Amino acid sequence: IIRHSGASMANVTITIMPSFIELVIKDDGRGIDAESVNDPKSFGITSIRERVKNISGDFTITGETGFGTTLTVKIPFTKKQ
């Protein structure tokens, strides 16, 4: 967050529900654009996306220029876990 967004504040929330766990990170930085979200050279985003996919989770990242970025990871619980 510090390196890329220029944010002065970030809020991290973890919610545990019966069937999933959700991580939401919101900052007040520059706001990521759609081109950056989908850029294969964005190794950090690509790495998160692949790791979440490997555990059958959902990953979204959205931003609005000048209003920050929101990253959400939702991971389902399985019977094994």
PDB file of N, CA and C in Angstrom:
ATOM      1  N   ILE A   1       0.841  -1.191   0.000  1.00  0.00           N
ATOM      2  CA  ILE A   1       0.000   0.000   0.000  1.00  0.00           C
ATOM      3  C   ILE A   1       0.877   1.242   0.000  1.00  0.00           C
ATOM      4  N   ILE A   2       1.853   1.289   0.885  1.00  0.00           N
ATOM      5  CA  ILE A   2       2.716   2.459   0.990  1.00  0.00           C
ATOM      6  C   ILE A   2       3.483   2.686  -0.307  1.00  0.00           C
ATOM      7  N   ARG A   3       4.000   1.621  -0.881  1.00  0.00           N
ATOM      8  CA  ARG A   3       4.840   1.742  -2.068  1.00  0.00           C
ATOM      9  C   ARG A   3       4.055   2.194  -3.295  1.00  0.00           C
ATOM     10  N   HIS A   4       2.830   1.728  -3.451  1.00  0.00           N
ATOM     11  CA  HIS A   4       2.126   1.945  -4.708  1.00  0.00           C
ATOM     12  C   HIS A   4       1.005   2.978  -4.681  1.00  0.00           C
ATOM     13  N   SER A   5       0.334   3.143  -3.576  1.00  0.00           N
ATOM     14  CA  SER A   5      -0.894   3.937  -3.609  1.00  0.00           C
ATOM     15  C   SER A   5      -0.741   5.395  -3.201  1.00  0.00           C
ATOM     16  N   GLY A   6       0.281   5.701  -2.426  1.00  0.00           N
ATOM     17  CA  GLY A   6       0.397   7.046  -1.901  1.00  0.00           C
ATOM     18  C   GLY A   6      -0.639   7.326  -0.820  1.00  0.00           C
ATOM     19  N   ALA A   7      -1.182   6.276  -0.234  1.00  0.00           N
ATOM     20  CA  ALA A   7      -2.246   6.424   0.759  1.00  0.00           C
ATOM     21  C   ALA A   7      -1.703   6.962   2.081  1.00  0.00           C
ATOM     22  N   SER A   8      -2.554   7.691   2.779  1.00  0.00           N
ATOM     23  CA  SER A   8      -2.213   8.126   4.129  1.00  0.00           C
ATOM     24  C   SER A   8      -2.919   7.258   5.160  1.00  0.00           C
ATOM     25  N   MET A   9      -3.881   6.447   4.691  1.00  0.00           N
ATOM     26  CA  MET A   9      -4.649   5.602   5.582  1.00  0.00           C
ATOM     27  C   MET A   9      -5.053   4.330   4.854  1.00  0.00           C
ATOM     28  N   ALA A  10      -5.045   3.218   5.573  1.00  0.00           N
ATOM     29  CA  ALA A  10      -5.560   1.953   5.045  1.00  0.00           C
ATOM     30  C   ALA A  10      -6.349   1.269   6.151  1.00  0.00           C
ATOM     31  N   ASN A  11      -7.449   0.678   5.767  1.00  0.00           N
ATOM     32  CA  ASN A  11      -8.305  -0.026   6.705  1.00  0.00           C
ATOM     33  C   ASN A  11      -8.332  -1.500   6.307  1.00  0.00           C
ATOM     34  N   VAL A  12      -8.018  -2.391   7.248  1.00  0.00           N
ATOM     35  CA  VAL A  12      -8.006  -3.820   6.990  1.00  0.00           C
ATOM     36  C   VAL A  12      -9.083  -4.464   7.855  1.00  0.00           C
ATOM     37  N   THR A  13      -9.971  -5.226   7.206  1.00  0.00           N
ATOM     38  CA  THR A  13     -11.056  -5.894   7.906  1.00  0.00           C
ATOM     39  C   THR A  13     -11.032  -7.378   7.563  1.00  0.00           C
ATOM     40  N   ILE A  14     -11.113  -8.220   8.577  1.00  0.00           N
ATOM     41  CA  ILE A  14     -11.238  -9.660   8.382  1.00  0.00           C
ATOM     42  C   ILE A  14     -12.556 -10.079   9.008  1.00  0.00           C
ATOM     43  N   THR A  15     -13.386 -10.741   8.197  1.00  0.00           N
ATOM     44  CA  THR A  15     -14.683 -11.207   8.658  1.00  0.00           C
ATOM     45  C   THR A  15     -14.725 -12.723   8.523  1.00  0.00           C
ATOM     46  N   ILE A  16     -15.077 -13.396   9.601  1.00  0.00           N
ATOM     47  CA  ILE A  16     -15.194 -14.849   9.575  1.00  0.00           C
ATOM     48  C   ILE A  16     -16.671 -15.208   9.647  1.00  0.00           C
ATOM     49  N   MET A  17     -17.120 -15.896   8.601  1.00  0.00           N
ATOM     50  CA  MET A  17     -18.504 -16.344   8.507  1.00  0.00           C
ATOM     51  C   MET A  17     -18.507 -17.876   8.565  1.00  0.00           C
ATOM     52  N   PRO A  18     -19.669 -18.486   8.702  1.00  0.00           N
ATOM     53  CA  PRO A  18     -19.697 -19.953   8.780  1.00  0.00           C
ATOM     54  C   PRO A  18     -19.110 -20.663   7.554  1.00  0.00           C
ATOM     55  N   SER A  19     -19.267 -20.073   6.370  1.00  0.00           N
ATOM     56  CA  SER A  19     -18.813 -20.770   5.159  1.00  0.00           C
ATOM     57  C   SER A  19     -17.622 -20.126   4.463  1.00  0.00           C
ATOM     58  N   PHE A  20     -17.166 -18.960   4.940  1.00  0.00           N
ATOM     59  CA  PHE A  20     -16.040 -18.303   4.298  1.00  0.00           C
ATOM     60  C   PHE A  20     -15.375 -17.307   5.236  1.00  0.00           C
ATOM     61  N   ILE A  21     -14.184 -16.899   4.851  1.00  0.00           N
ATOM     62  CA  ILE A  21     -13.478 -15.811   5.518  1.00  0.00           C
ATOM     63  C   ILE A  21     -13.231 -14.736   4.470  1.00  0.00           C
ATOM     64  N   GLU A  22     -13.385 -13.481   4.850  1.00  0.00           N
ATOM     65  CA  GLU A  22     -13.228 -12.382   3.900  1.00  0.00           C
ATOM     66  C   GLU A  22     -12.235 -11.359   4.449  1.00  0.00           C
ATOM     67  N   LEU A  23     -11.319 -10.970   3.583  1.00  0.00           N
ATOM     68  CA  LEU A  23     -10.339  -9.929   3.884  1.00  0.00           C
ATOM     69  C   LEU A  23     -10.621  -8.755   2.966  1.00  0.00           C
ATOM     70  N   VAL A  24     -10.801  -7.574   3.537  1.00  0.00           N
ATOM     71  CA  VAL A  24     -11.026  -6.366   2.748  1.00  0.00           C
ATOM     72  C   VAL A  24      -9.992  -5.327   3.171  1.00  0.00           C
ATOM     73  N   ILE A  25      -9.283  -4.790   2.195  1.00  0.00           N
ATOM     74  CA  ILE A  25      -8.314  -3.730   2.443  1.00  0.00           C
ATOM     75  C   ILE A  25      -8.733  -2.519   1.612  1.00  0.00           C
ATOM     76  N   LYS A  26      -8.950  -1.400   2.276  1.00  0.00           N
ATOM     77  CA  LYS A  26      -9.344  -0.151   1.617  1.00  0.00           C
ATOM     78  C   LYS A  26      -8.313   0.907   1.972  1.00  0.00           C
ATOM     79  N   ASP A  27      -7.908   1.683   0.960  1.00  0.00           N
ATOM     80  CA  ASP A  27      -6.999   2.795   1.235  1.00  0.00           C
ATOM     81  C   ASP A  27      -7.547   4.076   0.630  1.00  0.00           C
ATOM     82  N   ASP A  28      -6.909   5.187   0.986  1.00  0.00           N
ATOM     83  CA  ASP A  28      -7.339   6.495   0.476  1.00  0.00           C
ATOM     84  C   ASP A  28      -6.306   7.068  -0.504  1.00  0.00           C
ATOM     85  N   GLY A  29      -5.645   6.187  -1.215  1.00  0.00           N
ATOM     86  CA  GLY A  29      -4.575   6.605  -2.127  1.00  0.00           C
ATOM     87  C   GLY A  29      -5.068   7.043  -3.499  1.00  0.00           C
ATOM     88  N   ARG A  30      -4.167   6.910  -4.465  1.00  0.00           N
ATOM     89  CA  ARG A  30      -4.434   7.363  -5.835  1.00  0.00           C
ATOM     90  C   ARG A  30      -5.602   6.649  -6.491  1.00  0.00           C
ATOM     91  N   GLY A  31      -5.803   5.397  -6.163  1.00  0.00           N
ATOM     92  CA  GLY A  31      -6.856   4.600  -6.804  1.00  0.00           C
ATOM     93  C   GLY A  31      -6.289   3.879  -8.009  1.00  0.00           C
ATOM     94  N   ILE A  32      -6.385   2.574  -8.020  1.00  0.00           N
ATOM     95  CA  ILE A  32      -5.858   1.777  -9.119  1.00  0.00           C
ATOM     96  C   ILE A  32      -6.807   1.863 -10.313  1.00  0.00           C
ATOM     97  N   ASP A  33      -6.246   1.876 -11.511  1.00  0.00           N
ATOM     98  CA  ASP A  33      -7.091   1.904 -12.705  1.00  0.00           C
ATOM     99  C   ASP A  33      -7.225   0.503 -13.288  1.00  0.00           C
ATOM    100  N   ALA A  34      -8.223   0.303 -14.155  1.00  0.00           N
ATOM    101  CA  ALA A  34      -8.512  -1.019 -14.718  1.00  0.00           C
ATOM    102  C   ALA A  34      -7.321  -1.566 -15.496  1.00  0.00           C
ATOM    103  N   GLU A  35      -6.583  -0.706 -16.149  1.00  0.00           N
ATOM    104  CA  GLU A  35      -5.413  -1.151 -16.919  1.00  0.00           C
ATOM    105  C   GLU A  35      -4.372  -1.788 -15.999  1.00  0.00           C
ATOM    106  N   SER A  36      -4.137  -1.188 -14.859  1.00  0.00           N
ATOM    107  CA  SER A  36      -3.170  -1.729 -13.902  1.00  0.00           C
ATOM    108  C   SER A  36      -3.655  -3.033 -13.276  1.00  0.00           C
ATOM    109  N   VAL A  37      -4.944  -3.136 -13.022  1.00  0.00           N
ATOM    110  CA  VAL A  37      -5.504  -4.346 -12.432  1.00  0.00           C
ATOM    111  C   VAL A  37      -5.270  -5.542 -13.349  1.00  0.00           C
ATOM    112  N   ASN A  38      -5.386  -5.319 -14.651  1.00  0.00           N
ATOM    113  CA  ASN A  38      -5.276  -6.403 -15.626  1.00  0.00           C
ATOM    114  C   ASN A  38      -3.909  -6.508 -16.278  1.00  0.00           C
ATOM    115  N   ASP A  39      -2.957  -5.725 -15.855  1.00  0.00           N
ATOM    116  CA  ASP A  39      -1.615  -5.735 -16.441  1.00  0.00           C
ATOM    117  C   ASP A  39      -0.847  -6.972 -15.981  1.00  0.00           C
ATOM    118  N   PRO A  40      -0.423  -7.844 -16.923  1.00  0.00           N
ATOM    119  CA  PRO A  40       0.328  -9.041 -16.522  1.00  0.00           C
ATOM    120  C   PRO A  40       1.670  -8.713 -15.863  1.00  0.00           C
ATOM    121  N   LYS A  41       2.139  -7.482 -15.989  1.00  0.00           N
ATOM    122  CA  LYS A  41       3.383  -7.067 -15.341  1.00  0.00           C
ATOM    123  C   LYS A  41       3.159  -6.653 -13.889  1.00  0.00           C
ATOM    124  N   SER A  42       1.900  -6.592 -13.457  1.00  0.00           N
ATOM    125  CA  SER A  42       1.581  -6.284 -12.065  1.00  0.00           C
ATOM    126  C   SER A  42       1.730  -7.570 -11.258  1.00  0.00           C
ATOM    127  N   PHE A  43       2.981  -7.910 -10.940  1.00  0.00           N
ATOM    128  CA  PHE A  43       3.281  -9.202 -10.332  1.00  0.00           C
ATOM    129  C   PHE A  43       2.616  -9.403  -8.981  1.00  0.00           C
ATOM    130  N   GLY A  44       2.494  -8.361  -8.186  1.00  0.00           N
ATOM    131  CA  GLY A  44       1.852  -8.497  -6.880  1.00  0.00           C
ATOM    132  C   GLY A  44       0.390  -8.895  -7.021  1.00  0.00           C
ATOM    133  N   ILE A  45      -0.319  -8.211  -7.919  1.00  0.00           N
ATOM    134  CA  ILE A  45      -1.735  -8.522  -8.142  1.00  0.00           C
ATOM    135  C   ILE A  45      -1.875  -9.910  -8.745  1.00  0.00           C
ATOM    136  N   THR A  46      -1.034 -10.222  -9.726  1.00  0.00           N
ATOM    137  CA  THR A  46      -1.070 -11.543 -10.353  1.00  0.00           C
ATOM    138  C   THR A  46      -0.822 -12.639  -9.327  1.00  0.00           C
ATOM    139  N   SER A  47       0.127 -12.427  -8.432  1.00  0.00           N
ATOM    140  CA  SER A  47       0.443 -13.411  -7.398  1.00  0.00           C
ATOM    141  C   SER A  47      -0.733 -13.623  -6.451  1.00  0.00           C
ATOM    142  N   ILE A  48      -1.351 -12.545  -6.021  1.00  0.00           N
ATOM    143  CA  ILE A  48      -2.520 -12.659  -5.141  1.00  0.00           C
ATOM    144  C   ILE A  48      -3.626 -13.412  -5.860  1.00  0.00           C
ATOM    145  N   ARG A  49      -3.909 -13.021  -7.096  1.00  0.00           N
ATOM    146  CA  ARG A  49      -4.973 -13.661  -7.879  1.00  0.00           C
ATOM    147  C   ARG A  49      -4.736 -15.176  -7.988  1.00  0.00           C
ATOM    148  N   GLU A  50      -3.513 -15.586  -8.301  1.00  0.00           N
ATOM    149  CA  GLU A  50      -3.194 -17.008  -8.463  1.00  0.00           C
ATOM    150  C   GLU A  50      -3.308 -17.770  -7.142  1.00  0.00           C
ATOM    151  N   ARG A  51      -2.823 -17.183  -6.069  1.00  0.00           N
ATOM    152  CA  ARG A  51      -2.880 -17.850  -4.761  1.00  0.00           C
ATOM    153  C   ARG A  51      -4.323 -18.037  -4.295  1.00  0.00           C
ATOM    154  N   VAL A  52      -5.135 -17.021  -4.494  1.00  0.00           N
ATOM    155  CA  VAL A  52      -6.539 -17.108  -4.087  1.00  0.00           C
ATOM    156  C   VAL A  52      -7.268 -18.138  -4.946  1.00  0.00           C
ATOM    157  N   LYS A  53      -6.987 -18.143  -6.235  1.00  0.00           N
ATOM    158  CA  LYS A  53      -7.616 -19.108  -7.140  1.00  0.00           C
ATOM    159  C   LYS A  53      -7.254 -20.541  -6.739  1.00  0.00           C
ATOM    160  N   ASN A  54      -6.002 -20.759  -6.324  1.00  0.00           N
ATOM    161  CA  ASN A  54      -5.545 -22.103  -5.939  1.00  0.00           C
ATOM    162  C   ASN A  54      -6.287 -22.673  -4.741  1.00  0.00           C
ATOM    163  N   ILE A  55      -6.904 -21.811  -3.941  1.00  0.00           N
ATOM    164  CA  ILE A  55      -7.665 -22.295  -2.789  1.00  0.00           C
ATOM    165  C   ILE A  55      -9.170 -22.035  -2.972  1.00  0.00           C
ATOM    166  N   SER A  56      -9.573 -21.935  -4.252  1.00  0.00           N
ATOM    167  CA  SER A  56     -10.987 -21.780  -4.642  1.00  0.00           C
ATOM    168  C   SER A  56     -11.631 -20.515  -4.097  1.00  0.00           C
ATOM    169  N   GLY A  57     -10.831 -19.468  -3.944  1.00  0.00           N
ATOM    170  CA  GLY A  57     -11.351 -18.212  -3.432  1.00  0.00           C
ATOM    171  C   GLY A  57     -11.699 -17.230  -4.530  1.00  0.00           C
ATOM    172  N   ASP A  58     -12.227 -16.097  -4.131  1.00  0.00           N
ATOM    173  CA  ASP A  58     -12.559 -14.996  -5.041  1.00  0.00           C
ATOM    174  C   ASP A  58     -11.687 -13.799  -4.697  1.00  0.00           C
ATOM    175  N   PHE A  59     -11.260 -13.081  -5.726  1.00  0.00           N
ATOM    176  CA  PHE A  59     -10.405 -11.909  -5.557  1.00  0.00           C
ATOM    177  C   PHE A  59     -10.935 -10.795  -6.432  1.00  0.00           C
ATOM    178  N   THR A  60     -11.116  -9.616  -5.844  1.00  0.00           N
ATOM    179  CA  THR A  60     -11.472  -8.439  -6.631  1.00  0.00           C
ATOM    180  C   THR A  60     -10.623  -7.269  -6.160  1.00  0.00           C
ATOM    181  N   ILE A  61     -10.332  -6.394  -7.105  1.00  0.00           N
ATOM    182  CA  ILE A  61      -9.641  -5.161  -6.770  1.00  0.00           C
ATOM    183  C   ILE A  61     -10.240  -4.068  -7.637  1.00  0.00           C
ATOM    184  N   THR A  62     -10.663  -2.997  -6.985  1.00  0.00           N
ATOM    185  CA  THR A  62     -11.266  -1.873  -7.695  1.00  0.00           C
ATOM    186  C   THR A  62     -10.680  -0.581  -7.156  1.00  0.00           C
ATOM    187  N   GLY A  63     -10.737   0.432  -7.975  1.00  0.00           N
ATOM    188  CA  GLY A  63     -10.257   1.731  -7.537  1.00  0.00           C
ATOM    189  C   GLY A  63     -10.945   2.850  -8.279  1.00  0.00           C
ATOM    190  N   GLU A  64     -10.888   4.005  -7.670  1.00  0.00           N
ATOM    191  CA  GLU A  64     -11.427   5.203  -8.292  1.00  0.00           C
ATOM    192  C   GLU A  64     -10.359   6.286  -8.154  1.00  0.00           C
ATOM    193  N   THR A  65      -9.976   6.848  -9.283  1.00  0.00           N
ATOM    194  CA  THR A  65      -8.901   7.830  -9.293  1.00  0.00           C
ATOM    195  C   THR A  65      -9.134   8.911  -8.240  1.00  0.00           C
ATOM    196  N   GLY A  66      -8.145   9.064  -7.376  1.00  0.00           N
ATOM    197  CA  GLY A  66      -8.205  10.073  -6.327  1.00  0.00           C
ATOM    198  C   GLY A  66      -8.962   9.661  -5.076  1.00  0.00           C
ATOM    199  N   PHE A  67      -9.598   8.492  -5.108  1.00  0.00           N
ATOM    200  CA  PHE A  67     -10.413   8.075  -3.970  1.00  0.00           C
ATOM    201  C   PHE A  67     -10.006   6.729  -3.386  1.00  0.00           C
ATOM    202  N   GLY A  68      -8.929   6.142  -3.858  1.00  0.00           N
ATOM    203  CA  GLY A  68      -8.421   4.936  -3.241  1.00  0.00           C
ATOM    204  C   GLY A  68      -8.750   3.651  -3.957  1.00  0.00           C
ATOM    205  N   THR A  69      -8.336   2.576  -3.319  1.00  0.00           N
ATOM    206  CA  THR A  69      -8.455   1.227  -3.864  1.00  0.00           C
ATOM    207  C   THR A  69      -9.052   0.312  -2.805  1.00  0.00           C
ATOM    208  N   THR A  70      -9.846  -0.646  -3.269  1.00  0.00           N
ATOM    209  CA  THR A  70     -10.392  -1.673  -2.390  1.00  0.00           C
ATOM    210  C   THR A  70     -10.020  -3.035  -2.949  1.00  0.00           C
ATOM    211  N   LEU A  71      -9.406  -3.843  -2.116  1.00  0.00           N
ATOM    212  CA  LEU A  71      -9.024  -5.207  -2.463  1.00  0.00           C
ATOM    213  C   LEU A  71      -9.819  -6.140  -1.561  1.00  0.00           C
ATOM    214  N   THR A  72     -10.478  -7.132  -2.172  1.00  0.00           N
ATOM    215  CA  THR A  72     -11.282  -8.082  -1.409  1.00  0.00           C
ATOM    216  C   THR A  72     -10.867  -9.502  -1.760  1.00  0.00           C
ATOM    217  N   VAL A  73     -10.624 -10.302  -0.738  1.00  0.00           N
ATOM    218  CA  VAL A  73     -10.317 -11.726  -0.902  1.00  0.00           C
ATOM    219  C   VAL A  73     -11.344 -12.485  -0.079  1.00  0.00           C
ATOM    220  N   LYS A  74     -12.020 -13.427  -0.718  1.00  0.00           N
ATOM    221  CA  LYS A  74     -13.032 -14.235  -0.048  1.00  0.00           C
ATOM    222  C   LYS A  74     -12.640 -15.705  -0.238  1.00  0.00           C
ATOM    223  N   ILE A  75     -12.423 -16.409   0.867  1.00  0.00           N
ATOM    224  CA  ILE A  75     -11.962 -17.790   0.818  1.00  0.00           C
ATOM    225  C   ILE A  75     -12.995 -18.680   1.503  1.00  0.00           C
ATOM    226  N   PRO A  76     -13.503 -19.667   0.756  1.00  0.00           N
ATOM    227  CA  PRO A  76     -14.489 -20.558   1.363  1.00  0.00           C
ATOM    228  C   PRO A  76     -13.828 -21.559   2.309  1.00  0.00           C
ATOM    229  N   PHE A  77     -14.575 -21.938   3.330  1.00  0.00           N
ATOM    230  CA  PHE A  77     -14.137 -23.021   4.206  1.00  0.00           C
ATOM    231  C   PHE A  77     -14.573 -24.331   3.568  1.00  0.00           C
ATOM    232  N   THR A  78     -13.754 -25.348   3.724  1.00  0.00           N
ATOM    233  CA  THR A  78     -14.145 -26.680   3.273  1.00  0.00           C
ATOM    234  C   THR A  78     -14.236 -27.581   4.501  1.00  0.00           C
ATOM    235  N   LYS A  79     -14.766 -28.759   4.327  1.00  0.00           N
ATOM    236  CA  LYS A  79     -14.899 -29.684   5.458  1.00  0.00           C
ATOM    237  C   LYS A  79     -13.532 -30.046   6.023  1.00  0.00           C
ATOM    238  N   LYS A  80     -12.500 -30.093   5.183  1.00  0.00           N
ATOM    239  CA  LYS A  80     -11.144 -30.430   5.640  1.00  0.00           C
ATOM    240  C   LYS A  80     -10.589 -29.360   6.571  1.00  0.00           C
ATOM    241  N   GLN A  81     -10.932 -28.100   6.322  1.00  0.00           N
ATOM    242  CA  GLN A  81     -10.377 -26.994   7.088  1.00  0.00           C
ATOM    243  C   GLN A  81     -11.037 -26.905   8.445  1.00  0.00           C
TER     244      GLN A  81
END
